Structures are given as C-alpha cells and as structure tokens.
Amino acid sequence: MVDEKVQIDDFAITPNLRVRLGELETAWQGPPEYAELSDKQLKKHAKKFIEDQVEELADVQERLYASDQYSVLLIFQGRDAAGKDGTIKHVMSGVNPQGCQVFSFKAPSKEELDHNYLWRCWKALPERGRIGIFNRSYYEEVLVVRVHPQILSAQRIPQHLLTDDIWQQRYQDINAFERHLSRNGTVILKFFLNVSYDAQRQRFLERLEDPSKHWKFSDRDLHERQYWDQYTVAIEEMLSATSTPWAPWYVMPADDKWPMRALVGHIITERLERLELKRPEVSPEKRTLFTDAIKQLKND
C-alpha cells in the first residue's frame, strides 16, 4: 500500500511556507499502481498494510520503552468528521497499552481555566519510553478560540494582554514549548487530517441516517460547519507558523479513510525508525548472573 516510492516528507509542511489548503490534496488513494483498484480492493489493500504496519510499530514501541530515553508525542487535529478517532484506533491498535496513552481535550474545566492554556496539555505529556497521543490539543487555542474570540473572555486574561498580536504570540509560545520538549528528548509528530467540504457533508449524513452512528453527531457539528471559511484561514496560518524542523506538521488527505490511515502509520513508523532505537545491552556481570539463574532453575 505504501512503499519506498512514497516520500513521507511530501506530506510535511515546509517551515515558514505559506500554506493554502486549496492547493493541498484531500483525496489520496495510494501509489499510482493502485489507480485502477475499486474502493473495495483499495480498502482491502490498505487494511492489510495497516495490519503489517501495526506489527512494526509494536516492535518500535517496545524498543522505545526498553531504551527509556525518548518519548513520543503524536498530535491529531482536523475538522469535525475528519477521522481522528478512527485513525488513532486503527493505527495504534497493536501498541502495548502500558506504553501508550491517549488524551482527548474537550472544553476546559474551571481548574484548567485558572491556568495558562498549555497547562492541561503539559501535565498530560508522555514520560520517557512512552507514546502520548493528543486527540485535539493546545492547537484548539489558535483554531476554535480564534474563530470564536469570545472564548477568550472565559480565560480571564488581563485585558491589556488581549491585543491584535495574540495569535502570533501564541504561535511563538507553542513553537518555544515544542522546542523545549524536543531538546529534552520528545519526538513530536503532528497530523492535520485534511477533509473536504463535500466529504464532511457526506459523513454527517451517514451519521444522521445510520442509527448506530447517531451518537457521533452533535448539533454543534452543523453550527461549526457554518464557519468553514473562517476555520480555513485559521488552519492555514497555524500550519504556516508552527510547522518546524523539531515539530513538523503532516497534512494528510483524509477523504479516503483507509489509505490515509495506512499513510499515517507509515509516517509514524518511519520517523521512529530514524531514532535507531535498541534494546539495552546486558553487562557481562549480568550475563553471568543469568547463567547462574538458568542453572538454578533447571536444577530446581
């Protein structure tokens, strides 16, 4: 499904590049040789690739845990119905739960509002040896809050600090925050799932017409859809300002769920393999202890 001919950096946002979502793909169905496949065949190939990828990712995650030096932070952002939940579920399905943690950030609590906007994410960061997944994140503070600036009043920020530069200041804060994490051994990979206006419409209809999916639909989904253009501006500026060498954004074409999931898994695995993680070497003294332990157990 995804091979060496697929360059993962083709999906990364170049730092300081002016992003235009209209110029980026929302539909990706694999390498050119898959062009003739039916939707059913494409899904079959993608699912098989993800199954194989899950095994590779599980092995990488075990080495990450054993080496206990790096931590990994995966951030998933996207419009409503872009496929964040399903991507996390399928791509990370084989990872040992002891080495992985997922956080979904909803509207902040009163306690969280009494702190700066990075605080609740800071305390959810993964420790060394673990993979942390943020389903939405502090990036909501330059997306939802920017589209609905009245939310700022609930954050009780001193009035003189609410200037026209607040979004640029937040980009700078986020970049500095992520740079600090990177300098201390956290690998940060950020995925924006880029779904089209028509694909979102179709997914909302599926949720409304299928009783088993009713729980996925919220009145707020349609309300936020009215702000599509405003979100587009906010997303473009966010991607342009916060894709850095130490915390790159990958914009994933999300209209076709299964190929997108396969591609996300491929990017995560390849980026972690670049760390050349190894299981800790056992000292000669410990090997001697192991030999003695083996003899003792065999004679027990």
Protein backbone atom coordinates (compact mmCIF):
# COMPACT_ATOMS: atom_id res chain seq x y z
CA MET A 1 0.00 0.00 0.00
CA VAL A 2 2.80 2.39 0.96
CA ASP A 3 6.34 1.68 -0.23
CA GLU A 4 9.69 3.33 -0.71
CA LYS A 5 8.29 5.30 -3.66
CA VAL A 6 6.07 7.25 -1.26
CA GLN A 7 8.12 10.07 0.21
CA ILE A 8 6.67 10.93 3.60
CA ASP A 9 8.23 14.39 3.52
CA ASP A 10 5.96 15.19 0.56
CA PHE A 11 3.16 15.46 3.12
CA ALA A 12 5.13 17.62 5.55
CA ILE A 13 4.68 21.38 5.67
CA THR A 14 7.94 23.18 4.97
CA PRO A 15 8.77 25.60 7.81
CA ASN A 16 7.80 29.21 7.04
CA LEU A 17 5.95 28.14 3.88
CA ARG A 18 2.70 29.99 3.20
CA VAL A 19 0.05 27.26 3.29
CA ARG A 20 -3.03 27.24 1.06
CA LEU A 21 -5.38 24.37 1.89
CA GLY A 22 -6.99 24.66 -1.53
CA GLU A 23 -3.66 23.65 -3.07
CA LEU A 24 -3.32 20.52 -0.91
CA GLU A 25 -4.93 17.16 -1.63
CA THR A 26 -7.90 15.91 0.34
CA ALA A 27 -8.02 12.57 -1.51
CA TRP A 28 -5.07 10.13 -1.72
CA GLN A 29 -5.57 6.55 -2.80
CA GLY A 30 -2.06 5.24 -2.65
CA PRO A 31 0.77 4.99 -5.20
CA PRO A 32 -0.07 5.27 -8.94
CA GLU A 33 -0.24 1.49 -9.39
CA TYR A 34 -3.35 1.46 -7.20
CA ALA A 35 -5.26 3.83 -9.50
CA GLU A 36 -7.25 1.02 -11.15
CA LEU A 37 -8.40 -0.59 -7.91
CA SER A 38 -12.03 -0.43 -6.85
CA ASP A 39 -12.90 1.13 -3.49
CA LYS A 40 -13.34 -2.38 -2.04
CA GLN A 41 -9.95 -3.54 -3.32
CA LEU A 42 -8.28 -0.35 -2.11
CA LYS A 43 -9.73 -0.78 1.36
CA LYS A 44 -8.57 -4.42 1.43
CA HIS A 45 -5.00 -3.48 0.49
CA ALA A 46 -4.94 -0.63 2.99
CA LYS A 47 -6.26 -2.80 5.84
CA LYS A 48 -3.63 -5.47 5.10
CA PHE A 49 -0.90 -2.83 5.08
CA ILE A 50 -2.09 -1.42 8.41
CA GLU A 51 -2.04 -4.91 9.95
CA ASP A 52 1.60 -5.34 8.90
CA GLN A 53 2.41 -1.79 9.98
CA VAL A 54 0.89 -2.39 13.41
CA GLU A 55 3.40 -5.21 13.99
CA GLU A 56 6.31 -2.96 13.01
CA LEU A 57 5.03 -0.14 15.20
CA ALA A 58 4.61 -2.51 18.14
CA ASP A 59 8.25 -3.56 17.78
CA VAL A 60 9.41 0.07 17.60
CA GLN A 61 7.29 0.93 20.62
CA GLU A 62 8.84 -1.94 22.61
CA ARG A 63 12.34 -0.68 21.78
CA LEU A 64 11.25 2.86 22.72
CA TYR A 65 10.02 1.58 26.08
CA ALA A 66 13.11 -0.56 26.71
CA SER A 67 15.62 2.16 25.84
CA ASP A 68 13.77 4.66 28.09
CA GLN A 69 15.38 7.76 26.54
CA TYR A 70 12.88 9.29 24.14
CA SER A 71 9.19 9.99 24.49
CA VAL A 72 6.87 10.43 21.52
CA LEU A 73 4.02 12.92 21.19
CA LEU A 74 1.54 12.42 18.36
CA ILE A 75 -0.92 15.26 17.80
CA PHE A 76 -4.04 14.82 15.69
CA GLN A 77 -6.03 17.82 14.55
CA GLY A 78 -8.74 18.15 11.92
CA ARG A 79 -12.19 19.43 11.25
CA ASP A 80 -15.22 17.57 12.59
CA ALA A 81 -15.61 14.11 10.97
CA ALA A 82 -12.06 14.20 9.56
CA GLY A 83 -11.37 10.75 11.02
CA LYS A 84 -9.16 11.42 14.05
CA ASP A 85 -10.74 8.80 16.33
CA GLY A 86 -10.69 6.05 13.70
CA THR A 87 -7.11 6.78 12.69
CA ILE A 88 -5.88 6.58 16.28
CA LYS A 89 -7.88 3.40 16.86
CA HIS A 90 -6.62 1.50 13.81
CA VAL A 91 -3.02 2.74 13.58
CA MET A 92 -2.27 2.25 17.28
CA SER A 93 -4.29 -0.96 17.73
CA GLY A 94 -1.24 -3.20 18.25
CA VAL A 95 0.73 -0.99 20.60
CA ASN A 96 1.15 -2.22 24.19
CA PRO A 97 -1.31 -0.17 26.30
CA GLN A 98 1.35 0.09 29.03
CA GLY A 99 3.49 2.13 26.65
CA CYS A 100 0.81 4.36 25.17
CA GLN A 101 -1.66 6.93 26.44
CA VAL A 102 -4.42 8.87 24.67
CA PHE A 103 -5.92 12.18 25.75
CA SER A 104 -8.90 13.92 24.17
CA PHE A 105 -9.17 17.58 25.07
CA LYS A 106 -12.69 18.97 25.35
CA ALA A 107 -13.84 22.34 26.70
CA PRO A 108 -11.54 23.32 29.60
CA SER A 109 -12.69 22.91 33.18
CA LYS A 110 -12.76 25.71 35.76
CA GLU A 111 -9.46 24.49 37.19
CA GLU A 112 -7.89 24.45 33.73
CA LEU A 113 -9.14 27.97 33.01
CA ASP A 114 -7.33 29.13 36.14
CA HIS A 115 -4.06 28.16 34.45
CA ASN A 116 -2.47 29.13 31.16
CA TYR A 117 -3.80 27.30 28.10
CA LEU A 118 -0.78 24.98 27.82
CA TRP A 119 -1.07 23.70 31.40
CA ARG A 120 -3.59 20.92 30.88
CA CYS A 121 -1.61 19.56 27.95
CA TRP A 122 1.69 19.92 29.78
CA LYS A 123 0.56 17.63 32.59
CA ALA A 124 -0.61 15.02 30.04
CA LEU A 125 2.77 14.75 28.28
CA PRO A 126 4.23 11.24 27.90
CA GLU A 127 7.17 10.21 30.04
CA ARG A 128 10.31 8.68 28.54
CA GLY A 129 9.69 5.36 26.83
CA ARG A 130 6.03 6.06 26.12
CA ILE A 131 3.91 7.30 23.23
CA GLY A 132 1.42 10.05 24.06
CA ILE A 133 -1.46 10.82 21.70
CA PHE A 134 -3.39 14.08 21.77
CA ASN A 135 -6.78 13.92 20.05
CA ARG A 136 -7.05 17.68 19.58
CA SER A 137 -4.63 19.72 21.66
CA TYR A 138 -3.41 23.20 22.57
CA TYR A 139 -3.81 24.00 18.86
CA GLU A 140 -7.50 24.49 19.57
CA GLU A 141 -6.38 27.75 21.16
CA VAL A 142 -5.45 29.16 17.75
CA LEU A 143 -8.32 27.48 15.90
CA VAL A 144 -11.63 27.33 17.80
CA VAL A 145 -10.68 30.27 20.02
CA ARG A 146 -9.61 32.33 17.04
CA VAL A 147 -12.85 31.62 15.14
CA HIS A 148 -14.83 32.32 18.33
CA PRO A 149 -12.75 35.01 20.12
CA GLN A 150 -15.45 35.48 22.76
CA ILE A 151 -13.99 32.34 24.36
CA LEU A 152 -11.01 34.44 25.41
CA SER A 153 -13.17 36.24 27.98
CA ALA A 154 -13.63 32.96 29.87
CA GLN A 155 -9.85 32.59 30.14
CA ARG A 156 -9.65 35.64 32.40
CA ILE A 157 -6.56 37.02 30.68
CA PRO A 158 -5.80 40.62 31.69
CA GLN A 159 -7.48 42.95 29.21
CA HIS A 160 -4.31 44.78 28.22
CA LEU A 161 -2.81 41.48 27.00
CA LEU A 162 -5.65 40.83 24.55
CA THR A 163 -4.02 42.62 21.65
CA ASP A 164 -4.19 42.11 17.89
CA ASP A 165 -0.91 40.18 18.20
CA ILE A 166 -2.32 37.47 20.45
CA TRP A 167 -2.39 34.78 17.75
CA GLN A 168 1.19 35.47 16.66
CA GLN A 169 2.19 35.40 20.32
CA ARG A 170 0.50 32.03 20.77
CA TYR A 171 2.30 30.64 17.72
CA GLN A 172 5.57 31.77 19.29
CA ASP A 173 4.65 30.23 22.66
CA ILE A 174 3.72 26.92 21.04
CA ASN A 175 6.92 26.79 18.99
CA ALA A 176 9.01 27.52 22.09
CA PHE A 177 7.08 24.89 24.09
CA GLU A 178 7.65 22.24 21.43
CA ARG A 179 11.30 23.25 21.03
CA HIS A 180 11.79 22.74 24.77
CA LEU A 181 10.20 19.28 24.56
CA SER A 182 12.33 18.34 21.56
CA ARG A 183 15.52 19.46 23.30
CA ASN A 184 14.65 17.14 26.16
CA GLY A 185 14.03 14.02 24.09
CA THR A 186 10.39 14.22 22.98
CA VAL A 187 9.77 13.37 19.33
CA ILE A 188 6.78 15.40 18.12
CA LEU A 189 4.75 14.44 15.04
CA LYS A 190 1.65 16.46 14.18
CA PHE A 191 -1.04 15.32 11.78
CA PHE A 192 -3.72 17.56 10.32
CA LEU A 193 -6.40 15.41 8.67
CA ASN A 194 -7.50 17.43 5.67
CA VAL A 195 -11.10 16.56 4.79
CA SER A 196 -13.03 18.32 2.05
CA TYR A 197 -16.30 20.23 2.47
CA ASP A 198 -18.21 17.60 0.45
CA ALA A 199 -16.67 14.64 2.29
CA GLN A 200 -17.58 16.17 5.65
CA ARG A 201 -21.15 16.68 4.44
CA GLN A 202 -21.38 13.02 3.40
CA ARG A 203 -20.04 11.80 6.74
CA PHE A 204 -22.53 13.93 8.66
CA LEU A 205 -25.34 12.44 6.54
CA GLU A 206 -24.09 8.92 7.28
CA ARG A 207 -24.18 9.66 10.98
CA LEU A 208 -27.71 11.01 10.78
CA GLU A 209 -29.07 8.20 8.58
CA ASP A 210 -27.43 5.29 10.42
CA PRO A 211 -28.89 4.77 13.94
CA SER A 212 -25.68 3.04 15.05
CA LYS A 213 -23.79 6.28 14.34
CA HIS A 214 -26.23 8.74 15.91
CA TRP A 215 -24.01 9.06 18.97
CA LYS A 216 -21.28 10.54 16.78
CA PHE A 217 -23.39 13.50 15.69
CA SER A 218 -23.76 16.75 17.61
CA ASP A 219 -25.81 19.85 16.84
CA ARG A 220 -22.56 21.74 17.22
CA ASP A 221 -21.17 19.95 14.15
CA LEU A 222 -23.55 21.81 11.85
CA HIS A 223 -23.04 25.03 13.76
CA GLU A 224 -19.27 24.88 13.27
CA ARG A 225 -19.65 23.94 9.60
CA GLN A 226 -21.05 27.44 9.02
CA TYR A 227 -17.57 28.78 9.87
CA TRP A 228 -15.75 26.68 7.26
CA ASP A 229 -14.02 29.65 5.61
CA GLN A 230 -13.00 31.21 8.93
CA TYR A 231 -11.52 27.89 10.04
CA THR A 232 -9.68 27.62 6.72
CA VAL A 233 -7.90 30.92 7.39
CA ALA A 234 -7.05 29.89 10.96
CA ILE A 235 -5.79 26.46 9.88
CA GLU A 236 -3.63 27.87 7.10
CA GLU A 237 -1.97 30.38 9.40
CA MET A 238 -1.48 27.77 12.13
CA LEU A 239 0.22 25.33 9.75
CA SER A 240 2.38 28.08 8.26
CA ALA A 241 3.50 29.40 11.64
CA THR A 242 4.01 26.19 13.64
CA SER A 243 5.49 23.60 11.30
CA THR A 244 9.11 23.48 12.44
CA PRO A 245 12.10 21.16 11.97
CA TRP A 246 11.62 19.88 15.53
CA ALA A 247 7.81 19.51 15.33
CA PRO A 248 6.63 19.16 11.71
CA TRP A 249 3.05 19.21 10.54
CA TYR A 250 1.92 16.48 8.13
CA VAL A 251 -1.22 17.35 6.18
CA MET A 252 -2.98 14.07 5.44
CA PRO A 253 -5.54 13.78 2.61
CA ALA A 254 -8.49 12.48 4.65
CA ASP A 255 -11.36 11.95 2.18
CA ASP A 256 -10.33 8.29 1.78
CA LYS A 257 -10.03 6.96 5.32
CA TRP A 258 -8.20 3.67 4.86
CA PRO A 259 -5.36 4.93 2.61
CA MET A 260 -4.97 7.90 4.96
CA ARG A 261 -4.68 5.61 7.99
CA ALA A 262 -2.09 3.48 6.19
CA LEU A 263 -0.07 6.58 5.35
CA VAL A 264 -0.20 7.90 8.94
CA GLY A 265 1.04 4.55 10.26
CA HIS A 266 3.83 4.54 7.68
CA ILE A 267 4.98 8.04 8.67
CA ILE A 268 4.98 7.28 12.40
CA THR A 269 6.93 4.04 11.96
CA GLU A 270 9.47 5.51 9.56
CA ARG A 271 10.11 8.56 11.72
CA LEU A 272 10.61 6.42 14.84
CA GLU A 273 12.90 4.03 12.98
CA ARG A 274 15.18 7.00 12.28
CA LEU A 275 15.94 7.08 16.02
CA GLU A 276 17.72 3.71 15.65
CA LEU A 277 16.29 2.54 18.96
CA LYS A 278 17.89 -0.53 20.50
CA ARG A 279 17.14 -2.68 23.49
CA PRO A 280 19.63 -2.09 26.33
CA GLU A 281 22.81 -4.17 26.24
CA VAL A 282 23.26 -6.54 29.17
CA SER A 283 26.57 -6.20 31.00
CA PRO A 284 28.96 -9.20 31.28
CA GLU A 285 28.29 -9.28 35.02
CA LYS A 286 24.56 -9.63 34.44
CA ARG A 287 25.11 -12.32 31.81
CA THR A 288 26.99 -14.31 34.43
CA LEU A 289 24.06 -13.86 36.83
CA PHE A 290 21.67 -15.04 34.10
CA THR A 291 23.78 -18.16 33.51
CA ASP A 292 23.74 -18.95 37.23
CA ALA A 293 19.98 -18.31 37.37
CA ILE A 294 19.37 -20.68 34.45
CA LYS A 295 21.36 -23.44 36.18
CA GLN A 296 19.50 -22.88 39.42
CA LEU A 297 16.08 -23.02 37.75
CA LYS A 298 16.95 -26.16 35.76
CA ASN A 299 18.09 -27.90 38.89
CA ASP A 300 15.09 -26.72 40.94
